[in-house]
Amino acid sequence: MSVAIVNYGVGNLGSVRRAFEDLGASVAIVDSPARLDGARLWVDRMVARVGEVDLAGDYRYEPGALRPHRFRLTIPQIDASELERLLLPTLRRDQGFLARTLGIGKSEIPNWLAARFMDGTVQIGEFTAGDKSLNELRLRVLWNGARVDFTDMQARVENGSAQGRLSVDLAGRAPAYRMNFAVDSVDFKGGKIDANGVVRTSGTGAELMSRMRSEGSFTGRALDICKSASGCYRLEGPRLRFTELQVLVGPDLFVGRGATQDDGRLLLQLSSGAKMMRVTGTLAQLAVE
């Protein structure tokens, strides 16, 4: 870990350095007027670079407070993989041979993590994950030792909006995630879709997708293949299952269910009285047979 301060303004350089080391990241502070009053510290109008990420904001250290580290950050752009790389020392801590290779042995919470208590807000202009992006992402961070809560999450996505809350458990060998989410009026298949649900996963890197579990409900309107659609879904790794499907095509209401097949393609089977309908393809390219 390294902390380089180019212009630290008023205050004690050592105190500023220790404060940012407590945050657990390598930080290069380009410009940050600082004030020191005993053990209390203010870093105002900070302009910094963390890894490959530019950020700006304010930082406070208030000894004796429930969460002594207080911050307000603005980040123009960040990718999920870069964020994970920066946080990897916290997400996956050094472990012994048996824990790394055989997964046995108790995971101990290190003192530096147990003592980490922070409260702050973050604004991100563009947050990307693969080919997906969230714009104007806003959230609050409540960090209490081995538990981190991201609350009041709001963002723009595909001409719609998203809200949610994410909790991260850092007590085990690998981080465990739980997110409750809702999306409104998101572009999908020529129309709009609303959805809500919960996502659970654990690990880092590729593990996140392979271990992902999610369930929830959705409604869609003015879609390419139908006037409206609604139902419930369950995702287990690559397997996606739909239940309680109701699809309105012209004057006919079709009901049914569906799931991904061994080849990864979706197959939805629906009926309206004597009429039958099959919908196949990927989630991005569905077609009525």
C-alpha atoms as a PDB file:
ATOM      1  CA  MET A   1       0.000   0.000   0.000  1.00  0.00           C
ATOM      2  CA  SER A   2       1.295   3.459  -0.855  1.00  0.00           C
ATOM      3  CA  VAL A   3      -0.088   6.919  -0.157  1.00  0.00           C
ATOM      4  CA  ALA A   4       1.430   9.852  -2.075  1.00  0.00           C
ATOM      5  CA  ILE A   5       0.287  13.364  -1.177  1.00  0.00           C
ATOM      6  CA  VAL A   6       1.373  16.069  -3.607  1.00  0.00           C
ATOM      7  CA  ASN A   7      -0.351  19.080  -2.021  1.00  0.00           C
ATOM      8  CA  TYR A   8      -1.805  18.431   1.413  1.00  0.00           C
ATOM      9  CA  GLY A   9      -2.479  22.038   2.416  1.00  0.00           C
ATOM     10  CA  VAL A  10      -2.691  22.864   6.123  1.00  0.00           C
ATOM     11  CA  GLY A  11      -2.306  20.030   8.607  1.00  0.00           C
ATOM     12  CA  ASN A  12      -0.030  17.162   9.509  1.00  0.00           C
ATOM     13  CA  LEU A  13       1.168  14.965   6.646  1.00  0.00           C
ATOM     14  CA  GLY A  14       1.525  11.891   8.844  1.00  0.00           C
ATOM     15  CA  SER A  15      -2.062  12.165  10.083  1.00  0.00           C
ATOM     16  CA  VAL A  16      -3.422  12.477   6.540  1.00  0.00           C
ATOM     17  CA  ARG A  17      -1.346   9.483   5.471  1.00  0.00           C
ATOM     18  CA  ARG A  18      -2.594   7.291   8.331  1.00  0.00           C
ATOM     19  CA  ALA A  19      -6.194   8.308   7.724  1.00  0.00           C
ATOM     20  CA  PHE A  20      -6.116   7.136   4.114  1.00  0.00           C
ATOM     21  CA  GLU A  21      -4.222   3.970   4.976  1.00  0.00           C
ATOM     22  CA  ASP A  22      -7.120   3.115   7.298  1.00  0.00           C
ATOM     23  CA  LEU A  23      -9.402   3.113   4.248  1.00  0.00           C
ATOM     24  CA  GLY A  24      -7.471   0.157   2.841  1.00  0.00           C
ATOM     25  CA  ALA A  25      -6.574   1.543  -0.590  1.00  0.00           C
ATOM     26  CA  SER A  26      -3.530   2.856  -2.432  1.00  0.00           C
ATOM     27  CA  VAL A  27      -4.229   6.572  -2.805  1.00  0.00           C
ATOM     28  CA  ALA A  28      -2.374   9.341  -4.632  1.00  0.00           C
ATOM     29  CA  ILE A  29      -3.818  12.669  -3.495  1.00  0.00           C
ATOM     30  CA  VAL A  30      -3.209  15.292  -6.136  1.00  0.00           C
ATOM     31  CA  ASP A  31      -4.682  18.226  -4.224  1.00  0.00           C
ATOM     32  CA  SER A  32      -6.313  18.248  -0.792  1.00  0.00           C
ATOM     33  CA  PRO A  33      -6.408  21.227   1.596  1.00  0.00           C
ATOM     34  CA  ALA A  34      -6.326  19.598   5.046  1.00  0.00           C
ATOM     35  CA  ARG A  35      -7.048  20.861   8.562  1.00  0.00           C
ATOM     36  CA  LEU A  36      -6.073  19.187  11.801  1.00  0.00           C
ATOM     37  CA  ASP A  37      -7.562  19.852  15.266  1.00  0.00           C
ATOM     38  CA  GLY A  38      -6.064  17.425  17.753  1.00  0.00           C
ATOM     39  CA  ALA A  39      -7.057  13.983  16.469  1.00  0.00           C
ATOM     40  CA  ARG A  40      -9.816  15.400  14.237  1.00  0.00           C
ATOM     41  CA  LEU A  41      -9.021  15.737  10.553  1.00  0.00           C
ATOM     42  CA  TRP A  42     -10.719  17.467   7.618  1.00  0.00           C
ATOM     43  CA  VAL A  43      -9.619  16.976   4.006  1.00  0.00           C
ATOM     44  CA  ASP A  44     -11.655  19.321   1.789  1.00  0.00           C
ATOM     45  CA  ARG A  45     -12.011  19.538  -1.983  1.00  0.00           C
ATOM     46  CA  MET A  46      -9.818  16.485  -2.444  1.00  0.00           C
ATOM     47  CA  VAL A  47      -8.729  15.503  -5.946  1.00  0.00           C
ATOM     48  CA  ALA A  48      -7.170  12.045  -5.959  1.00  0.00           C
ATOM     49  CA  ARG A  49      -6.349   8.960  -7.974  1.00  0.00           C
ATOM     50  CA  VAL A  50      -6.950   5.472  -6.548  1.00  0.00           C
ATOM     51  CA  GLY A  51      -5.326   2.867  -8.775  1.00  0.00           C
ATOM     52  CA  GLU A  52      -6.600   3.818 -12.225  1.00  0.00           C
ATOM     53  CA  VAL A  53      -9.660   5.657 -10.883  1.00  0.00           C
ATOM     54  CA  ASP A  54      -9.976   9.441 -10.595  1.00  0.00           C
ATOM     55  CA  LEU A  55     -12.110  10.814  -7.786  1.00  0.00           C
ATOM     56  CA  ALA A  56     -12.920  14.009  -5.924  1.00  0.00           C
ATOM     57  CA  GLY A  57     -14.617  14.801  -2.652  1.00  0.00           C
ATOM     58  CA  ASP A  58     -14.199  15.414   1.059  1.00  0.00           C
ATOM     59  CA  TYR A  59     -12.976  13.302   3.981  1.00  0.00           C
ATOM     60  CA  ARG A  60     -13.433  13.653   7.737  1.00  0.00           C
ATOM     61  CA  TYR A  61     -11.993  11.755  10.663  1.00  0.00           C
ATOM     62  CA  GLU A  62     -14.068  12.192  13.823  1.00  0.00           C
ATOM     63  CA  PRO A  63     -12.578  10.167  16.711  1.00  0.00           C
ATOM     64  CA  GLY A  64     -15.175   8.853  19.117  1.00  0.00           C
ATOM     65  CA  ALA A  65     -17.964   8.741  16.520  1.00  0.00           C
ATOM     66  CA  LEU A  66     -19.772   5.476  15.783  1.00  0.00           C
ATOM     67  CA  ARG A  67     -18.238   5.575  12.309  1.00  0.00           C
ATOM     68  CA  PRO A  68     -15.224   7.895  12.598  1.00  0.00           C
ATOM     69  CA  HIS A  69     -14.352   7.858   8.888  1.00  0.00           C
ATOM     70  CA  ARG A  70     -16.742  10.134   6.937  1.00  0.00           C
ATOM     71  CA  PHE A  71     -16.474  10.830   3.220  1.00  0.00           C
ATOM     72  CA  ARG A  72     -18.211  12.189   0.141  1.00  0.00           C
ATOM     73  CA  LEU A  73     -16.827  11.014  -3.181  1.00  0.00           C
ATOM     74  CA  THR A  74     -17.540  11.722  -6.847  1.00  0.00           C
ATOM     75  CA  ILE A  75     -16.153   9.297  -9.451  1.00  0.00           C
ATOM     76  CA  PRO A  76     -16.558  10.080 -13.172  1.00  0.00           C
ATOM     77  CA  GLN A  77     -16.242   6.460 -14.354  1.00  0.00           C
ATOM     78  CA  ILE A  78     -15.292   3.066 -12.940  1.00  0.00           C
ATOM     79  CA  ASP A  79     -15.509  -0.529 -14.129  1.00  0.00           C
ATOM     80  CA  ALA A  80     -16.606  -3.356 -11.825  1.00  0.00           C
ATOM     81  CA  SER A  81     -13.426  -5.333 -12.494  1.00  0.00           C
ATOM     82  CA  GLU A  82     -11.214  -2.371 -11.536  1.00  0.00           C
ATOM     83  CA  LEU A  83     -13.251  -1.760  -8.383  1.00  0.00           C
ATOM     84  CA  GLU A  84     -12.858  -5.412  -7.403  1.00  0.00           C
ATOM     85  CA  ARG A  85      -9.113  -5.247  -8.088  1.00  0.00           C
ATOM     86  CA  LEU A  86      -8.743  -2.233  -5.809  1.00  0.00           C
ATOM     87  CA  LEU A  87     -10.698  -3.919  -3.017  1.00  0.00           C
ATOM     88  CA  LEU A  88      -9.202  -7.393  -3.446  1.00  0.00           C
ATOM     89  CA  PRO A  89      -6.970  -7.192  -0.327  1.00  0.00           C
ATOM     90  CA  THR A  90     -10.162  -6.656   1.693  1.00  0.00           C
ATOM     91  CA  LEU A  91     -12.347  -9.106  -0.253  1.00  0.00           C
ATOM     92  CA  ARG A  92      -9.825 -11.982  -0.227  1.00  0.00           C
ATOM     93  CA  ARG A  93      -7.420 -11.732   2.655  1.00  0.00           C
ATOM     94  CA  ASP A  94      -4.206 -13.726   3.037  1.00  0.00           C
ATOM     95  CA  GLN A  95      -4.994 -17.271   4.149  1.00  0.00           C
ATOM     96  CA  GLY A  96      -3.024 -20.302   5.203  1.00  0.00           C
ATOM     97  CA  PHE A  97      -2.217 -23.240   2.926  1.00  0.00           C
ATOM     98  CA  LEU A  98      -5.093 -25.463   4.106  1.00  0.00           C
ATOM     99  CA  ALA A  99      -7.655 -22.666   3.760  1.00  0.00           C
ATOM    100  CA  ARG A 100      -6.474 -21.759   0.255  1.00  0.00           C
ATOM    101  CA  THR A 101      -6.208 -25.299  -1.119  1.00  0.00           C
ATOM    102  CA  LEU A 102      -8.736 -27.363   0.841  1.00  0.00           C
ATOM    103  CA  GLY A 103     -11.126 -24.729   2.129  1.00  0.00           C
ATOM    104  CA  ILE A 104     -10.800 -25.891   5.723  1.00  0.00           C
ATOM    105  CA  GLY A 105     -10.011 -23.968   8.847  1.00  0.00           C
ATOM    106  CA  LYS A 106     -11.797 -21.026  10.423  1.00  0.00           C
ATOM    107  CA  SER A 107     -11.610 -17.652   8.713  1.00  0.00           C
ATOM    108  CA  GLU A 108     -10.374 -15.022  11.145  1.00  0.00           C
ATOM    109  CA  ILE A 109     -11.417 -11.381  10.864  1.00  0.00           C
ATOM    110  CA  PRO A 110      -8.211  -9.306  11.058  1.00  0.00           C
ATOM    111  CA  ASN A 111      -8.020  -6.444  13.523  1.00  0.00           C
ATOM    112  CA  TRP A 112      -7.748  -3.808  10.777  1.00  0.00           C
ATOM    113  CA  LEU A 113     -11.053  -4.979   9.273  1.00  0.00           C
ATOM    114  CA  ALA A 114     -12.847  -5.363  12.593  1.00  0.00           C
ATOM    115  CA  ALA A 115     -11.901  -1.764  13.406  1.00  0.00           C
ATOM    116  CA  ARG A 116     -13.063  -0.276  10.081  1.00  0.00           C
ATOM    117  CA  PHE A 117     -16.163   1.889  10.564  1.00  0.00           C
ATOM    118  CA  MET A 118     -17.089   4.351   7.793  1.00  0.00           C
ATOM    119  CA  ASP A 119     -20.070   6.396   6.642  1.00  0.00           C
ATOM    120  CA  GLY A 120     -20.115   8.118   3.283  1.00  0.00           C
ATOM    121  CA  THR A 121     -21.839   8.890   0.010  1.00  0.00           C
ATOM    122  CA  VAL A 122     -20.643   8.059  -3.493  1.00  0.00           C
ATOM    123  CA  GLN A 123     -21.707   9.412  -6.885  1.00  0.00           C
ATOM    124  CA  ILE A 124     -20.519   7.621 -10.030  1.00  0.00           C
ATOM    125  CA  GLY A 125     -21.090   9.073 -13.481  1.00  0.00           C
ATOM    126  CA  GLU A 126     -20.816   5.701 -15.247  1.00  0.00           C
ATOM    127  CA  PHE A 127     -20.436   2.284 -13.626  1.00  0.00           C
ATOM    128  CA  THR A 128     -19.767  -0.517 -16.130  1.00  0.00           C
ATOM    129  CA  ALA A 129     -19.916  -4.283 -15.705  1.00  0.00           C
ATOM    130  CA  GLY A 130     -19.165  -6.157 -18.908  1.00  0.00           C
ATOM    131  CA  ASP A 131     -21.412  -4.701 -21.616  1.00  0.00           C
ATOM    132  CA  LYS A 132     -23.883  -3.256 -19.098  1.00  0.00           C
ATOM    133  CA  SER A 133     -23.709   0.171 -17.525  1.00  0.00           C
ATOM    134  CA  LEU A 134     -25.394   2.222 -14.830  1.00  0.00           C
ATOM    135  CA  ASN A 135     -25.387   5.994 -15.145  1.00  0.00           C
ATOM    136  CA  GLU A 136     -25.732   8.649 -12.445  1.00  0.00           C
ATOM    137  CA  LEU A 137     -25.289   6.029  -9.731  1.00  0.00           C
ATOM    138  CA  ARG A 138     -25.755   7.370  -6.197  1.00  0.00           C
ATOM    139  CA  LEU A 139     -25.436   5.429  -2.954  1.00  0.00           C
ATOM    140  CA  ARG A 140     -24.590   5.600   0.721  1.00  0.00           C
ATOM    141  CA  VAL A 141     -21.880   3.397   2.286  1.00  0.00           C
ATOM    142  CA  LEU A 142     -22.233   2.141   5.870  1.00  0.00           C
ATOM    143  CA  TRP A 143     -19.145   0.084   6.738  1.00  0.00           C
ATOM    144  CA  ASN A 144     -19.231  -1.731  10.089  1.00  0.00           C
ATOM    145  CA  GLY A 145     -16.261  -4.061  10.493  1.00  0.00           C
ATOM    146  CA  ALA A 146     -16.856  -7.162   8.381  1.00  0.00           C
ATOM    147  CA  ARG A 147     -20.245  -5.956   7.096  1.00  0.00           C
ATOM    148  CA  VAL A 148     -20.772  -3.297   4.435  1.00  0.00           C
ATOM    149  CA  ASP A 149     -24.177  -1.931   3.424  1.00  0.00           C
ATOM    150  CA  PHE A 150     -24.721   0.111   0.272  1.00  0.00           C
ATOM    151  CA  THR A 151     -28.067   1.807   0.809  1.00  0.00           C
ATOM    152  CA  ASP A 152     -30.246   4.295  -1.060  1.00  0.00           C
ATOM    153  CA  MET A 153     -28.831   3.076  -4.394  1.00  0.00           C
ATOM    154  CA  GLN A 154     -30.293   4.896  -7.391  1.00  0.00           C
ATOM    155  CA  ALA A 155     -29.200   4.902 -11.031  1.00  0.00           C
ATOM    156  CA  ARG A 156     -30.298   5.359 -14.626  1.00  0.00           C
ATOM    157  CA  VAL A 157     -30.261   2.233 -16.795  1.00  0.00           C
ATOM    158  CA  GLU A 158     -31.457   1.693 -20.378  1.00  0.00           C
ATOM    159  CA  ASN A 159     -33.630   4.855 -20.341  1.00  0.00           C
ATOM    160  CA  GLY A 160     -35.225   3.708 -17.092  1.00  0.00           C
ATOM    161  CA  SER A 161     -34.356   3.801 -13.409  1.00  0.00           C
ATOM    162  CA  ALA A 162     -33.016   1.357 -10.842  1.00  0.00           C
ATOM    163  CA  GLN A 163     -33.080   1.324  -7.048  1.00  0.00           C
ATOM    164  CA  GLY A 164     -31.617  -1.111  -4.581  1.00  0.00           C
ATOM    165  CA  ARG A 165     -29.683  -2.065  -1.496  1.00  0.00           C
ATOM    166  CA  LEU A 166     -26.547  -4.228  -1.401  1.00  0.00           C
ATOM    167  CA  SER A 167     -25.092  -5.969   1.669  1.00  0.00           C
ATOM    168  CA  VAL A 168     -21.613  -7.513   1.704  1.00  0.00           C
ATOM    169  CA  ASP A 169     -20.478 -10.004   4.356  1.00  0.00           C
ATOM    170  CA  LEU A 170     -16.676 -10.079   4.673  1.00  0.00           C
ATOM    171  CA  ALA A 171     -16.492 -12.453   7.646  1.00  0.00           C
ATOM    172  CA  GLY A 172     -15.863 -15.606   5.587  1.00  0.00           C
ATOM    173  CA  ARG A 173     -13.060 -16.738   3.300  1.00  0.00           C
ATOM    174  CA  ALA A 174     -14.825 -15.107   0.347  1.00  0.00           C
ATOM    175  CA  PRO A 175     -17.210 -12.128   0.271  1.00  0.00           C
ATOM    176  CA  ALA A 176     -20.939 -12.937   0.241  1.00  0.00           C
ATOM    177  CA  TYR A 177     -23.355 -10.545  -1.479  1.00  0.00           C
ATOM    178  CA  ARG A 178     -27.086  -9.954  -1.243  1.00  0.00           C
ATOM    179  CA  MET A 179     -28.862  -7.295  -3.318  1.00  0.00           C
ATOM    180  CA  ASN A 180     -32.500  -6.269  -3.332  1.00  0.00           C
ATOM    181  CA  PHE A 181     -33.363  -4.346  -6.481  1.00  0.00           C
ATOM    182  CA  ALA A 182     -36.173  -2.787  -8.492  1.00  0.00           C
ATOM    183  CA  VAL A 183     -36.063  -1.437 -12.042  1.00  0.00           C
ATOM    184  CA  ASP A 184     -38.704   0.743 -13.668  1.00  0.00           C
ATOM    185  CA  SER A 185     -39.454   1.460 -17.344  1.00  0.00           C
ATOM    186  CA  VAL A 186     -36.230  -0.104 -18.651  1.00  0.00           C
ATOM    187  CA  ASP A 187     -35.938  -0.563 -22.431  1.00  0.00           C
ATOM    188  CA  PHE A 188     -36.459  -4.212 -23.439  1.00  0.00           C
ATOM    189  CA  LYS A 189     -37.518  -5.870 -26.702  1.00  0.00           C
ATOM    190  CA  GLY A 190     -38.963  -2.678 -28.192  1.00  0.00           C
ATOM    191  CA  GLY A 191     -40.980  -1.839 -25.075  1.00  0.00           C
ATOM    192  CA  LYS A 192     -40.562  -1.295 -21.354  1.00  0.00           C
ATOM    193  CA  ILE A 193     -40.108  -3.661 -18.441  1.00  0.00           C
ATOM    194  CA  ASP A 194     -40.400  -3.338 -14.658  1.00  0.00           C
ATOM    195  CA  ALA A 195     -38.872  -5.917 -12.324  1.00  0.00           C
ATOM    196  CA  ASN A 196     -37.934  -6.492  -8.710  1.00  0.00           C
ATOM    197  CA  GLY A 197     -36.131  -9.254  -6.891  1.00  0.00           C
ATOM    198  CA  VAL A 198     -33.166 -10.374  -4.854  1.00  0.00           C
ATOM    199  CA  VAL A 199     -29.707 -11.499  -5.995  1.00  0.00           C
ATOM    200  CA  ARG A 200     -27.284 -13.600  -3.941  1.00  0.00           C
ATOM    201  CA  THR A 201     -23.743 -14.612  -4.820  1.00  0.00           C
ATOM    202  CA  SER A 202     -20.264 -14.989  -3.335  1.00  0.00           C
ATOM    203  CA  GLY A 203     -16.599 -15.006  -4.271  1.00  0.00           C
ATOM    204  CA  THR A 204     -14.676 -12.853  -6.723  1.00  0.00           C
ATOM    205  CA  GLY A 205     -14.103 -12.774 -10.475  1.00  0.00           C
ATOM    206  CA  ALA A 206     -15.787 -15.533 -12.476  1.00  0.00           C
ATOM    207  CA  GLU A 207     -17.108 -17.090  -9.253  1.00  0.00           C
ATOM    208  CA  LEU A 208     -19.643 -14.295  -8.941  1.00  0.00           C
ATOM    209  CA  MET A 209     -21.551 -15.380 -12.053  1.00  0.00           C
ATOM    210  CA  SER A 210     -21.290 -19.140 -11.488  1.00  0.00           C
ATOM    211  CA  ARG A 211     -22.611 -18.817  -7.923  1.00  0.00           C
ATOM    212  CA  MET A 212     -25.317 -16.281  -8.673  1.00  0.00           C
ATOM    213  CA  ARG A 213     -28.839 -17.015  -7.471  1.00  0.00           C
ATOM    214  CA  SER A 214     -31.775 -14.685  -8.034  1.00  0.00           C
ATOM    215  CA  GLU A 215     -35.546 -14.678  -7.887  1.00  0.00           C
ATOM    216  CA  GLY A 216     -38.245 -12.095  -8.448  1.00  0.00           C
ATOM    217  CA  SER A 217     -41.071 -10.921 -10.683  1.00  0.00           C
ATOM    218  CA  PHE A 218     -41.486  -8.742 -13.769  1.00  0.00           C
ATOM    219  CA  THR A 219     -44.013  -7.033 -16.010  1.00  0.00           C
ATOM    220  CA  GLY A 220     -43.472  -5.845 -19.577  1.00  0.00           C
ATOM    221  CA  ARG A 221     -45.513  -3.742 -21.974  1.00  0.00           C
ATOM    222  CA  ALA A 222     -45.521  -2.960 -25.698  1.00  0.00           C
ATOM    223  CA  LEU A 223     -42.907  -5.647 -26.394  1.00  0.00           C
ATOM    224  CA  ASP A 224     -41.998  -6.815 -29.895  1.00  0.00           C
ATOM    225  CA  ILE A 225     -43.691 -10.197 -29.516  1.00  0.00           C
ATOM    226  CA  CYS A 226     -46.683  -9.254 -27.349  1.00  0.00           C
ATOM    227  CA  LYS A 227     -48.760  -6.438 -25.919  1.00  0.00           C
ATOM    228  CA  SER A 228     -47.794  -7.313 -22.348  1.00  0.00           C
ATOM    229  CA  ALA A 229     -46.125 -10.015 -20.292  1.00  0.00           C
ATOM    230  CA  SER A 230     -45.708 -10.777 -16.607  1.00  0.00           C
ATOM    231  CA  GLY A 231     -44.447 -13.577 -14.433  1.00  0.00           C
ATOM    232  CA  CYS A 232     -41.892 -14.774 -11.913  1.00  0.00           C
ATOM    233  CA  TYR A 233     -38.329 -15.894 -12.514  1.00  0.00           C
ATOM    234  CA  ARG A 234     -35.628 -17.914 -10.761  1.00  0.00           C
ATOM    235  CA  LEU A 235     -31.957 -17.848 -11.759  1.00  0.00           C
ATOM    236  CA  GLU A 236     -29.452 -20.464 -10.565  1.00  0.00           C
ATOM    237  CA  GLY A 237     -26.085 -19.928 -12.235  1.00  0.00           C
ATOM    238  CA  PRO A 238     -26.701 -20.217 -15.985  1.00  0.00           C
ATOM    239  CA  ARG A 239     -30.160 -21.765 -15.497  1.00  0.00           C
ATOM    240  CA  LEU A 240     -33.100 -19.383 -15.851  1.00  0.00           C
ATOM    241  CA  ARG A 241     -36.651 -20.503 -15.097  1.00  0.00           C
ATOM    242  CA  PHE A 242     -39.938 -18.631 -15.636  1.00  0.00           C
ATOM    243  CA  THR A 243     -43.190 -19.452 -13.845  1.00  0.00           C
ATOM    244  CA  GLU A 244     -46.666 -17.934 -13.696  1.00  0.00           C
ATOM    245  CA  LEU A 245     -46.167 -16.468 -17.159  1.00  0.00           C
ATOM    246  CA  GLN A 246     -49.020 -14.445 -18.638  1.00  0.00           C
ATOM    247  CA  VAL A 247     -48.543 -13.131 -22.169  1.00  0.00           C
ATOM    248  CA  LEU A 248     -51.132 -11.050 -24.042  1.00  0.00           C
ATOM    249  CA  VAL A 249     -50.920 -11.503 -27.826  1.00  0.00           C
ATOM    250  CA  GLY A 250     -53.661  -9.630 -29.640  1.00  0.00           C
ATOM    251  CA  PRO A 251     -56.937 -10.494 -27.852  1.00  0.00           C
ATOM    252  CA  ASP A 252     -55.559 -13.797 -26.477  1.00  0.00           C
ATOM    253  CA  LEU A 253     -54.068 -14.292 -23.022  1.00  0.00           C
ATOM    254  CA  PHE A 254     -51.525 -17.113 -22.959  1.00  0.00           C
ATOM    255  CA  VAL A 255     -50.299 -18.682 -19.704  1.00  0.00           C
ATOM    256  CA  GLY A 256     -47.443 -21.085 -19.117  1.00  0.00           C
ATOM    257  CA  ARG A 257     -43.829 -21.446 -18.042  1.00  0.00           C
ATOM    258  CA  GLY A 258     -40.366 -22.000 -19.449  1.00  0.00           C
ATOM    259  CA  ALA A 259     -36.674 -22.503 -18.751  1.00  0.00           C
ATOM    260  CA  THR A 260     -33.256 -22.540 -20.376  1.00  0.00           C
ATOM    261  CA  GLN A 261     -32.361 -25.801 -22.092  1.00  0.00           C
ATOM    262  CA  ASP A 262     -29.081 -27.715 -22.187  1.00  0.00           C
ATOM    263  CA  ASP A 263     -27.952 -25.646 -25.178  1.00  0.00           C
ATOM    264  CA  GLY A 264     -28.485 -22.420 -23.234  1.00  0.00           C
ATOM    265  CA  ARG A 265     -31.527 -21.327 -25.237  1.00  0.00           C
ATOM    266  CA  LEU A 266     -34.839 -20.423 -23.616  1.00  0.00           C
ATOM    267  CA  LEU A 267     -37.976 -22.414 -24.317  1.00  0.00           C
ATOM    268  CA  LEU A 268     -41.314 -20.927 -23.218  1.00  0.00           C
ATOM    269  CA  GLN A 269     -44.459 -23.012 -23.648  1.00  0.00           C
ATOM    270  CA  LEU A 270     -47.810 -21.248 -23.326  1.00  0.00           C
ATOM    271  CA  SER A 271     -51.438 -21.905 -24.075  1.00  0.00           C
ATOM    272  CA  SER A 272     -54.700 -19.998 -24.459  1.00  0.00           C
ATOM    273  CA  GLY A 273     -57.546 -22.494 -24.535  1.00  0.00           C
ATOM    274  CA  ALA A 274     -56.803 -24.750 -27.504  1.00  0.00           C
ATOM    275  CA  LYS A 275     -54.161 -22.397 -28.869  1.00  0.00           C
ATOM    276  CA  MET A 276     -50.511 -23.225 -28.208  1.00  0.00           C
ATOM    277  CA  MET A 277     -47.475 -20.938 -28.460  1.00  0.00           C
ATOM    278  CA  ARG A 278     -43.748 -21.666 -28.188  1.00  0.00           C
ATOM    279  CA  VAL A 279     -41.172 -18.937 -27.741  1.00  0.00           C
ATOM    280  CA  THR A 280     -37.491 -19.828 -28.205  1.00  0.00           C
ATOM    281  CA  GLY A 281     -34.096 -18.164 -28.409  1.00  0.00           C
ATOM    282  CA  THR A 282     -31.815 -16.204 -26.131  1.00  0.00           C
ATOM    283  CA  LEU A 283     -33.221 -13.671 -23.696  1.00  0.00           C
ATOM    284  CA  ALA A 284     -32.009 -10.902 -26.033  1.00  0.00           C
ATOM    285  CA  GLN A 285     -33.483 -12.515 -29.166  1.00  0.00           C
ATOM    286  CA  LEU A 286     -36.747 -14.339 -28.552  1.00  0.00           C
ATOM    287  CA  ALA A 287     -38.927 -15.536 -31.421  1.00  0.00           C
ATOM    288  CA  VAL A 288     -42.428 -17.042 -31.581  1.00  0.00           C
ATOM    289  CA  GLU A 289     -42.573 -20.404 -33.378  1.00  0.00           C
END
